[in-house]
Amino acid sequence: MNEPPLPAMISPGVEPAWILSQIDRAAVLLDDRGAVIHANPAAYQLRMRLPVQGKDGFAVLLSNLPTTAWDTARQDQRWSGFVRIDAADVTLAATLLRQPRPMDGVYLATFHDAAGNDGARAHAGEPPLALSREQLQQSEKMASIGQLAAGVAHEINNPIGYVHSNLGTLQGYVEGLLNMLDAHERALAAGDLIAARAGILALRERLDIDFIINDVPKLLAESREGIERVCKIVQDLKEFSHAGHNEPMRLADLHRGLESTLNIVWNEFKYKVRLEKHYGELPLAECRISEINQVLLNLLLNAGQAIEESGTITIATGSEGEEAWISIADTGYGIPQDALTRIFDPFYTTKPIGRGTGIGLAVAYGIMARHHGRIEVRSRVGAGSMFRVVLPLRQPEAVPVEA
């Protein structure tokens, strides 16, 4: 690669090539058009590790920088985000920053695995960098669970509360029944049941044994229902929080995954949202169901947060040809048309500060891309949004499938 001479970076006499060579992550100097001026050894190692089928690795890498990165850098602000390389199944953490004088018009871009040690892994001959994507996905998943923690705690506390109350009532019932049993035993020991009858009947009436006999089965059934409710919530949380990126693709019931996800998220919005379901036939689909559940959770959270006071979320499902689909529509405030092309960019959000990380939809997009699926969106300000998840029933590549 022919590299034109560069002005000094930090101080006269210090060559940028030497400075970049001291950086352990991939670093590339670019001109204002995005052309490569210089790259350090770590960048060349990364370039060689990207299976881009004859294309220039740098061109593929840099073409995936979002327009927001350049817009931010041209305002002399540091951009940080993630770059997705679909051909290599890799997501890299990236930065872009315009250099100060005397390097006017020069930009520094860096790329690295979120787990670090890119160069070390390259020398060790390890596989392409997928770990950063997995860590981002798991971090977003844990952030979603944290956001829902209060609602989930409420959902658990409710049944635990009435189970606790029922146990207190049952304790009183048992004490009464033990007193009744003790009265019978004393009457048997005295050998004069006729004389003891009046006292036993009076005790039975005072303890209201007939009511206890009728109420105990109801209390036990209600308590069992509460415990089962808690077990279901815990199981749904375990399934959702499980890091599923190492799982093989399996045939999965999308309706079951959807209901499991709703079970986690619904307490967050049930007091302001009316839920409508229009479920169609959904064949089993080949996927990593924990990842699909994460996509659905992110979309449900967005739909609920888009509704400020009251509104409706409509969930519909169905299949067309060799694809299954799930749509989630809300009657919230909608997304401006000029933002629709950017909503899947990492760290871009239309929510108020503190309401969103800006990576939920980016993670969802990445998951669907790895499943050879897609997310379609329609939105109108003031009318709401509709997100449609489309998933092939069978993945293109032949992989072992377990029922």
Protein backbone atom coordinates (compact mmCIF):
# COMPACT_ATOMS: atom_id res chain seq x y z
CA MET A 1 0.00 0.00 0.00
CA ASN A 2 1.48 3.36 -1.03
CA GLU A 3 1.20 5.73 1.89
CA PRO A 4 1.67 9.48 1.36
CA PRO A 5 3.79 11.33 3.91
CA LEU A 6 1.85 12.68 6.87
CA PRO A 7 2.28 15.71 9.07
CA ALA A 8 3.31 15.09 12.65
CA MET A 9 0.66 14.10 15.16
CA ILE A 10 1.39 15.38 18.69
CA SER A 11 4.66 17.19 18.07
CA PRO A 12 7.03 17.89 15.16
CA GLY A 13 9.32 14.98 14.36
CA VAL A 14 6.97 12.32 15.72
CA GLU A 15 5.57 10.26 12.84
CA PRO A 16 1.92 9.15 13.01
CA ALA A 17 2.95 5.72 11.75
CA TRP A 18 5.11 5.21 14.84
CA ILE A 19 2.37 6.47 17.18
CA LEU A 20 -0.29 4.22 15.65
CA SER A 21 2.06 1.24 15.84
CA GLN A 22 2.09 1.64 19.62
CA ILE A 23 -1.71 1.27 19.81
CA ASP A 24 -2.80 -2.31 20.51
CA ARG A 25 -6.18 -1.94 18.77
CA ALA A 26 -6.86 -1.47 15.08
CA ALA A 27 -6.33 2.21 14.18
CA VAL A 28 -6.80 3.83 10.77
CA LEU A 29 -6.19 7.39 9.61
CA LEU A 30 -8.74 8.61 7.05
CA ASP A 31 -9.21 11.64 4.89
CA ASP A 32 -12.48 13.59 4.73
CA ARG A 33 -13.82 11.24 2.02
CA GLY A 34 -13.16 8.15 4.14
CA ALA A 35 -10.11 6.98 2.16
CA VAL A 36 -7.37 5.23 4.13
CA ILE A 37 -4.22 7.28 4.63
CA HIS A 38 -2.46 4.96 7.05
CA ALA A 39 -3.25 1.88 9.13
CA ASN A 40 -1.36 0.31 12.01
CA PRO A 41 -0.30 -3.38 12.23
CA ALA A 42 -3.35 -4.31 14.34
CA ALA A 43 -5.61 -2.89 11.60
CA TYR A 44 -3.88 -5.01 8.95
CA GLN A 45 -4.30 -8.07 11.16
CA LEU A 46 -8.00 -7.31 11.49
CA ARG A 47 -8.26 -6.72 7.73
CA MET A 48 -6.80 -10.18 7.04
CA ARG A 49 -9.25 -11.81 9.43
CA LEU A 50 -12.35 -10.48 7.71
CA PRO A 51 -13.62 -13.05 5.16
CA VAL A 52 -14.93 -10.51 2.66
CA GLN A 53 -14.64 -12.67 -0.48
CA GLY A 54 -12.09 -10.70 -2.49
CA LYS A 55 -13.22 -7.25 -1.39
CA ASP A 56 -10.86 -4.87 0.35
CA GLY A 57 -11.20 -5.44 4.10
CA PHE A 58 -10.75 -1.76 4.93
CA ALA A 59 -13.44 -0.72 2.44
CA VAL A 60 -15.88 -3.22 3.94
CA LEU A 61 -15.01 -2.15 7.46
CA LEU A 62 -15.27 1.59 6.84
CA SER A 63 -18.41 1.37 4.69
CA ASN A 64 -20.22 0.07 7.76
CA LEU A 65 -19.54 3.22 9.76
CA PRO A 66 -22.96 4.88 10.12
CA THR A 67 -23.50 8.37 8.75
CA THR A 68 -24.02 9.54 12.32
CA ALA A 69 -20.37 8.70 13.01
CA TRP A 70 -19.15 11.11 10.34
CA ASP A 71 -21.72 13.78 11.29
CA THR A 72 -20.55 13.64 14.90
CA ALA A 73 -16.83 13.61 14.06
CA ARG A 74 -17.15 16.56 11.66
CA GLN A 75 -18.52 18.56 14.58
CA ASP A 76 -15.27 17.85 16.44
CA GLN A 77 -17.01 15.41 18.76
CA ARG A 78 -15.94 11.85 19.46
CA TRP A 79 -18.29 9.19 18.07
CA SER A 80 -18.42 5.79 19.76
CA GLY A 81 -20.58 2.89 18.68
CA PHE A 82 -20.58 -0.51 17.06
CA VAL A 83 -19.89 -1.65 13.51
CA ARG A 84 -21.51 -4.80 12.20
CA ILE A 85 -19.74 -6.94 9.53
CA ASP A 86 -22.41 -9.42 8.45
CA ALA A 87 -20.12 -11.35 6.11
CA ALA A 88 -17.84 -12.19 9.05
CA ASP A 89 -20.58 -12.42 11.69
CA VAL A 90 -18.63 -9.82 13.67
CA THR A 91 -19.61 -6.74 15.66
CA LEU A 92 -16.78 -4.38 16.63
CA ALA A 93 -16.67 -1.48 19.04
CA ALA A 94 -15.55 1.59 17.09
CA THR A 95 -14.63 5.24 17.54
CA LEU A 96 -14.19 8.10 15.06
CA LEU A 97 -12.66 11.49 15.83
CA ARG A 98 -11.35 14.37 13.70
CA GLN A 99 -7.74 15.17 14.47
CA PRO A 100 -6.71 18.65 15.65
CA ARG A 101 -4.26 20.91 13.87
CA PRO A 102 -1.89 20.50 12.15
CA MET A 103 -3.78 17.45 10.83
CA ASP A 104 -6.80 19.29 9.44
CA GLY A 105 -9.09 17.02 7.45
CA VAL A 106 -7.68 13.82 8.97
CA TYR A 107 -9.79 11.43 11.03
CA LEU A 108 -8.74 8.64 13.36
CA ALA A 109 -10.93 5.51 13.46
CA THR A 110 -10.32 2.67 15.90
CA PHE A 111 -11.88 -0.78 16.04
CA HIS A 112 -11.62 -3.42 18.71
CA ASP A 113 -13.26 -6.41 20.26
CA ALA A 114 -15.10 -5.39 23.43
CA ALA A 115 -13.25 -8.20 25.21
CA GLY A 116 -9.88 -6.74 24.17
CA ASN A 117 -6.68 -8.53 23.05
CA ASP A 118 -7.46 -8.44 19.34
CA GLY A 119 -3.86 -8.72 18.36
CA ALA A 120 -3.16 -11.52 20.80
CA ARG A 121 -6.01 -13.57 19.40
CA ALA A 122 -4.88 -12.86 15.85
CA HIS A 123 -1.41 -14.25 16.60
CA ALA A 124 -2.95 -17.24 18.34
CA GLY A 125 -5.01 -18.01 15.26
CA GLU A 126 -8.33 -17.83 17.05
CA PRO A 127 -11.66 -17.49 15.20
CA PRO A 128 -13.16 -14.12 14.11
CA LEU A 129 -14.29 -11.59 16.65
CA ALA A 130 -17.82 -12.49 17.71
CA LEU A 131 -17.38 -11.99 21.42
CA SER A 132 -18.07 -8.25 21.39
CA ARG A 133 -21.42 -8.85 19.73
CA GLU A 134 -22.29 -11.55 22.26
CA GLN A 135 -21.30 -9.31 25.17
CA LEU A 136 -23.33 -6.40 23.77
CA GLN A 137 -26.35 -8.66 23.31
CA GLN A 138 -26.07 -10.08 26.83
CA SER A 139 -25.54 -6.59 28.30
CA GLU A 140 -28.68 -5.31 26.58
CA LYS A 141 -30.58 -8.35 27.83
CA MET A 142 -29.49 -7.72 31.42
CA ALA A 143 -30.34 -4.01 31.04
CA SER A 144 -33.86 -4.99 29.94
CA ILE A 145 -34.25 -7.27 32.94
CA GLY A 146 -32.99 -4.50 35.21
CA GLN A 147 -35.52 -2.10 33.70
CA LEU A 148 -38.28 -4.62 34.44
CA ALA A 149 -37.02 -5.56 37.92
CA ALA A 150 -39.58 -3.52 39.85
CA GLY A 151 -42.47 -4.86 37.80
CA VAL A 152 -41.26 -8.44 38.07
CA ALA A 153 -40.81 -8.04 41.83
CA HIS A 154 -44.41 -6.78 42.04
CA GLU A 155 -45.63 -9.76 40.01
CA ILE A 156 -43.83 -12.10 42.42
CA ASN A 157 -44.84 -10.22 45.58
CA ASN A 158 -48.56 -10.36 44.78
CA PRO A 159 -48.92 -14.16 44.81
CA ILE A 160 -46.38 -14.51 47.62
CA GLY A 161 -48.45 -12.02 49.62
CA TYR A 162 -51.69 -13.98 49.42
CA VAL A 163 -49.88 -17.30 49.92
CA HIS A 164 -48.43 -15.83 53.12
CA SER A 165 -51.89 -14.62 54.16
CA ASN A 166 -53.43 -18.00 53.37
CA LEU A 167 -50.82 -19.77 55.45
CA GLY A 168 -51.70 -17.56 58.41
CA THR A 169 -55.40 -18.42 57.97
CA LEU A 170 -54.61 -22.12 57.62
CA GLN A 171 -52.56 -21.99 60.81
CA GLY A 172 -55.64 -20.72 62.68
CA TYR A 173 -57.79 -23.42 61.07
CA VAL A 174 -55.33 -26.15 62.07
CA GLU A 175 -55.29 -24.91 65.67
CA GLY A 176 -59.11 -25.05 65.74
CA LEU A 177 -59.17 -28.55 64.25
CA LEU A 178 -56.57 -29.71 66.77
CA ASN A 179 -58.75 -28.33 69.58
CA MET A 180 -61.73 -30.22 68.11
CA LEU A 181 -59.68 -33.40 67.88
CA ASP A 182 -58.50 -32.97 71.47
CA ALA A 183 -62.13 -32.61 72.62
CA HIS A 184 -63.04 -35.87 70.89
CA GLU A 185 -60.09 -37.69 72.44
CA ARG A 186 -61.01 -36.46 75.93
CA ALA A 187 -64.60 -37.59 75.38
CA LEU A 188 -63.41 -41.04 74.29
CA ALA A 189 -61.10 -41.26 77.30
CA ALA A 190 -63.98 -40.38 79.65
CA GLY A 191 -66.10 -43.11 78.08
CA ASP A 192 -69.26 -41.00 78.17
CA LEU A 193 -69.80 -39.71 74.61
CA ILE A 194 -73.43 -38.80 75.26
CA ALA A 195 -72.46 -36.46 78.10
CA ALA A 196 -69.65 -34.94 75.99
CA ARG A 197 -71.81 -34.44 72.90
CA ALA A 198 -73.22 -31.07 73.92
CA GLY A 199 -69.74 -29.70 74.64
CA ILE A 200 -68.34 -30.98 71.32
CA LEU A 201 -71.23 -29.49 69.37
CA ALA A 202 -70.77 -26.15 71.12
CA LEU A 203 -67.04 -26.20 70.32
CA ARG A 204 -67.77 -27.10 66.70
CA GLU A 205 -70.13 -24.16 66.37
CA ARG A 206 -67.70 -21.78 68.08
CA LEU A 207 -64.84 -22.83 65.77
CA ASP A 208 -67.15 -22.76 62.74
CA ILE A 209 -65.88 -26.13 61.55
CA ASP A 210 -68.33 -26.23 58.64
CA PHE A 211 -66.83 -23.00 57.26
CA ILE A 212 -63.28 -24.35 57.74
CA ILE A 213 -64.12 -27.56 55.86
CA ASN A 214 -65.46 -25.48 52.96
CA ASP A 215 -62.67 -22.87 52.97
CA VAL A 216 -59.53 -25.05 53.31
CA PRO A 217 -59.68 -26.50 49.74
CA LYS A 218 -60.12 -22.98 48.33
CA LEU A 219 -57.14 -21.66 50.29
CA LEU A 220 -54.96 -24.57 49.16
CA ALA A 221 -55.97 -24.17 45.51
CA GLU A 222 -55.33 -20.40 45.62
CA SER A 223 -51.95 -20.92 47.26
CA ARG A 224 -50.95 -23.55 44.72
CA GLU A 225 -51.95 -21.17 41.92
CA GLY A 226 -49.81 -18.42 43.48
CA ILE A 227 -46.77 -20.67 43.79
CA GLU A 228 -47.21 -21.85 40.20
CA ARG A 229 -47.39 -18.21 39.11
CA VAL A 230 -44.09 -17.44 40.85
CA CYS A 231 -42.48 -20.58 39.38
CA LYS A 232 -43.61 -19.49 35.89
CA ILE A 233 -42.14 -16.01 36.30
CA VAL A 234 -38.84 -17.41 37.58
CA GLN A 235 -38.69 -19.94 34.74
CA ASP A 236 -39.42 -17.25 32.16
CA LEU A 237 -36.68 -15.06 33.62
CA LYS A 238 -34.21 -17.95 33.56
CA GLU A 239 -35.02 -18.72 29.94
CA PHE A 240 -34.81 -15.08 28.93
CA SER A 241 -31.57 -14.28 30.79
CA HIS A 242 -29.82 -17.38 29.47
CA ALA A 243 -26.97 -16.50 27.11
CA GLY A 244 -28.19 -18.30 24.02
CA HIS A 245 -25.55 -17.36 21.42
CA ASN A 246 -23.76 -20.71 21.80
CA GLU A 247 -26.92 -22.76 21.39
CA PRO A 248 -27.56 -24.60 18.15
CA MET A 249 -30.60 -23.66 16.11
CA ARG A 250 -33.61 -25.73 17.18
CA LEU A 251 -37.25 -26.00 16.22
CA ALA A 252 -39.13 -23.74 18.63
CA ASP A 253 -42.68 -22.69 19.43
CA LEU A 254 -42.78 -18.94 18.74
CA HIS A 255 -46.16 -18.54 20.45
CA ARG A 256 -44.76 -20.04 23.64
CA GLY A 257 -41.75 -17.71 23.48
CA LEU A 258 -44.05 -14.73 22.90
CA GLU A 259 -46.28 -15.59 25.85
CA SER A 260 -43.23 -16.18 28.05
CA THR A 261 -41.89 -12.73 27.12
CA LEU A 262 -45.27 -11.10 27.73
CA ASN A 263 -45.33 -12.72 31.16
CA ILE A 264 -42.12 -10.88 32.04
CA VAL A 265 -42.96 -7.48 30.59
CA TRP A 266 -46.68 -7.07 31.08
CA ASN A 267 -46.69 -5.72 34.64
CA GLU A 268 -44.67 -2.77 33.36
CA PHE A 269 -47.60 -1.48 31.29
CA LYS A 270 -50.81 -3.27 32.29
CA TYR A 271 -52.28 -0.24 34.05
CA LYS A 272 -52.07 2.01 30.99
CA VAL A 273 -52.17 -0.40 28.06
CA ARG A 274 -54.96 -2.52 26.62
CA LEU A 275 -53.61 -5.67 24.98
CA GLU A 276 -55.17 -7.18 21.88
CA LYS A 277 -54.05 -10.53 20.47
CA HIS A 278 -54.74 -11.80 16.99
CA TYR A 279 -52.83 -15.07 16.76
CA GLY A 280 -52.75 -17.11 13.58
CA GLU A 281 -51.17 -20.45 12.78
CA LEU A 282 -47.44 -20.52 13.52
CA PRO A 283 -45.45 -23.62 12.53
CA LEU A 284 -42.35 -24.45 14.57
CA ALA A 285 -39.45 -22.26 13.43
CA GLU A 286 -35.75 -23.05 13.46
CA CYS A 287 -34.05 -20.48 15.68
CA ARG A 288 -32.37 -19.68 18.97
CA ILE A 289 -35.57 -18.99 20.87
CA SER A 290 -33.86 -17.08 23.71
CA GLU A 291 -32.54 -14.58 21.15
CA ILE A 292 -35.92 -14.24 19.44
CA ASN A 293 -37.48 -13.65 22.87
CA GLN A 294 -35.00 -10.82 23.39
CA VAL A 295 -36.07 -9.22 20.10
CA LEU A 296 -39.72 -9.46 21.17
CA LEU A 297 -38.97 -8.03 24.62
CA ASN A 298 -37.18 -5.02 23.14
CA LEU A 299 -40.09 -4.34 20.77
CA LEU A 300 -42.69 -4.76 23.53
CA LEU A 301 -40.76 -2.42 25.83
CA ASN A 302 -40.55 0.19 23.07
CA ALA A 303 -44.26 -0.15 22.34
CA GLY A 304 -45.20 0.28 25.99
CA GLN A 305 -42.88 3.24 26.49
CA ALA A 306 -44.31 4.95 23.40
CA ILE A 307 -47.72 5.10 25.12
CA GLU A 308 -47.69 7.92 27.66
CA GLU A 309 -51.07 7.76 29.41
CA SER A 310 -53.26 5.10 27.82
CA GLY A 311 -53.36 3.19 24.59
CA THR A 312 -53.41 -0.18 22.89
CA ILE A 313 -50.76 -2.71 21.94
CA THR A 314 -51.87 -5.17 19.28
CA ILE A 315 -49.94 -8.38 18.74
CA ALA A 316 -50.61 -10.44 15.63
CA THR A 317 -48.93 -13.61 14.36
CA GLY A 318 -49.05 -15.71 11.23
CA SER A 319 -47.06 -17.36 8.48
CA GLU A 320 -46.65 -16.77 4.77
CA GLY A 321 -44.92 -19.35 2.62
CA GLU A 322 -41.69 -20.37 4.34
CA GLU A 323 -41.70 -17.47 6.81
CA ALA A 324 -43.30 -16.82 10.19
CA TRP A 325 -44.11 -13.32 11.35
CA ILE A 326 -45.00 -11.52 14.57
CA SER A 327 -46.18 -7.90 14.53
CA ILE A 328 -46.32 -5.56 17.52
CA ALA A 329 -48.28 -2.34 16.97
CA ASP A 330 -48.85 0.51 19.42
CA THR A 331 -50.95 3.65 19.48
CA GLY A 332 -48.10 5.73 20.91
CA TYR A 333 -46.46 8.92 19.70
CA GLY A 334 -44.82 7.39 16.63
CA ILE A 335 -41.40 7.92 15.04
CA PRO A 336 -40.54 10.90 12.81
CA GLN A 337 -39.92 9.93 9.18
CA ASP A 338 -36.39 11.35 9.21
CA ALA A 339 -35.52 9.06 12.14
CA LEU A 340 -36.84 5.80 10.63
CA THR A 341 -33.62 5.21 8.67
CA ARG A 342 -31.53 5.55 11.85
CA ILE A 343 -33.48 3.68 14.51
CA PHE A 344 -31.36 0.55 14.08
CA ASP A 345 -28.08 2.47 14.47
CA PRO A 346 -26.30 1.70 17.77
CA PHE A 347 -26.88 4.36 20.45
CA TYR A 348 -29.44 6.25 18.38
CA THR A 349 -32.70 6.83 20.26
CA THR A 350 -35.74 9.08 19.94
CA LYS A 351 -36.56 8.63 23.63
CA PRO A 352 -35.90 11.29 26.27
CA ILE A 353 -32.58 11.18 28.10
CA GLY A 354 -32.55 8.37 30.63
CA ARG A 355 -35.39 6.44 28.95
CA GLY A 356 -33.33 4.32 26.57
CA THR A 357 -29.79 3.14 25.80
CA GLY A 358 -30.17 3.26 22.03
CA ILE A 359 -28.86 -0.28 21.57
CA GLY A 360 -32.06 -2.32 21.97
CA LEU A 361 -33.11 -2.08 18.32
CA ALA A 362 -29.52 -2.44 17.13
CA VAL A 363 -29.24 -5.71 19.06
CA ALA A 364 -32.62 -6.86 17.73
CA TYR A 365 -31.55 -6.05 14.18
CA GLY A 366 -28.33 -8.03 14.61
CA ILE A 367 -30.17 -11.04 16.01
CA MET A 368 -32.62 -11.09 13.11
CA ALA A 369 -29.82 -10.70 10.57
CA ARG A 370 -28.04 -13.75 12.02
CA HIS A 371 -31.33 -15.64 11.74
CA HIS A 372 -31.63 -14.60 8.05
CA GLY A 373 -34.76 -12.69 9.02
CA ARG A 374 -35.69 -9.04 9.15
CA ILE A 375 -37.58 -6.37 11.04
CA GLU A 376 -40.04 -4.23 9.12
CA VAL A 377 -41.33 -0.97 10.54
CA ARG A 378 -44.11 1.49 9.75
CA SER A 379 -44.77 4.57 11.83
CA ARG A 380 -46.62 7.87 11.77
CA VAL A 381 -46.19 10.63 14.33
CA GLY A 382 -49.26 10.86 16.51
CA ALA A 383 -50.68 7.54 15.30
CA GLY A 384 -48.18 4.95 16.52
CA SER A 385 -45.77 2.36 15.17
CA MET A 386 -45.84 -1.21 13.93
CA PHE A 387 -42.80 -3.48 14.02
CA ARG A 388 -43.00 -6.79 12.17
CA VAL A 389 -40.49 -9.56 12.89
CA VAL A 390 -40.12 -11.96 9.95
CA LEU A 391 -38.27 -15.25 10.49
CA PRO A 392 -37.64 -18.13 8.05
CA LEU A 393 -39.15 -21.40 9.24
CA ARG A 394 -35.89 -23.18 8.36
CA GLN A 395 -32.43 -21.68 8.30
CA PRO A 396 -30.66 -21.74 4.91
CA GLU A 397 -27.70 -23.71 6.18
CA ALA A 398 -28.22 -27.33 7.15
CA VAL A 399 -27.73 -27.67 10.89
CA PRO A 400 -28.74 -30.42 13.33
CA VAL A 401 -32.28 -29.74 14.53
CA GLU A 402 -33.69 -30.98 17.78
CA ALA A 403 -37.37 -31.04 18.54
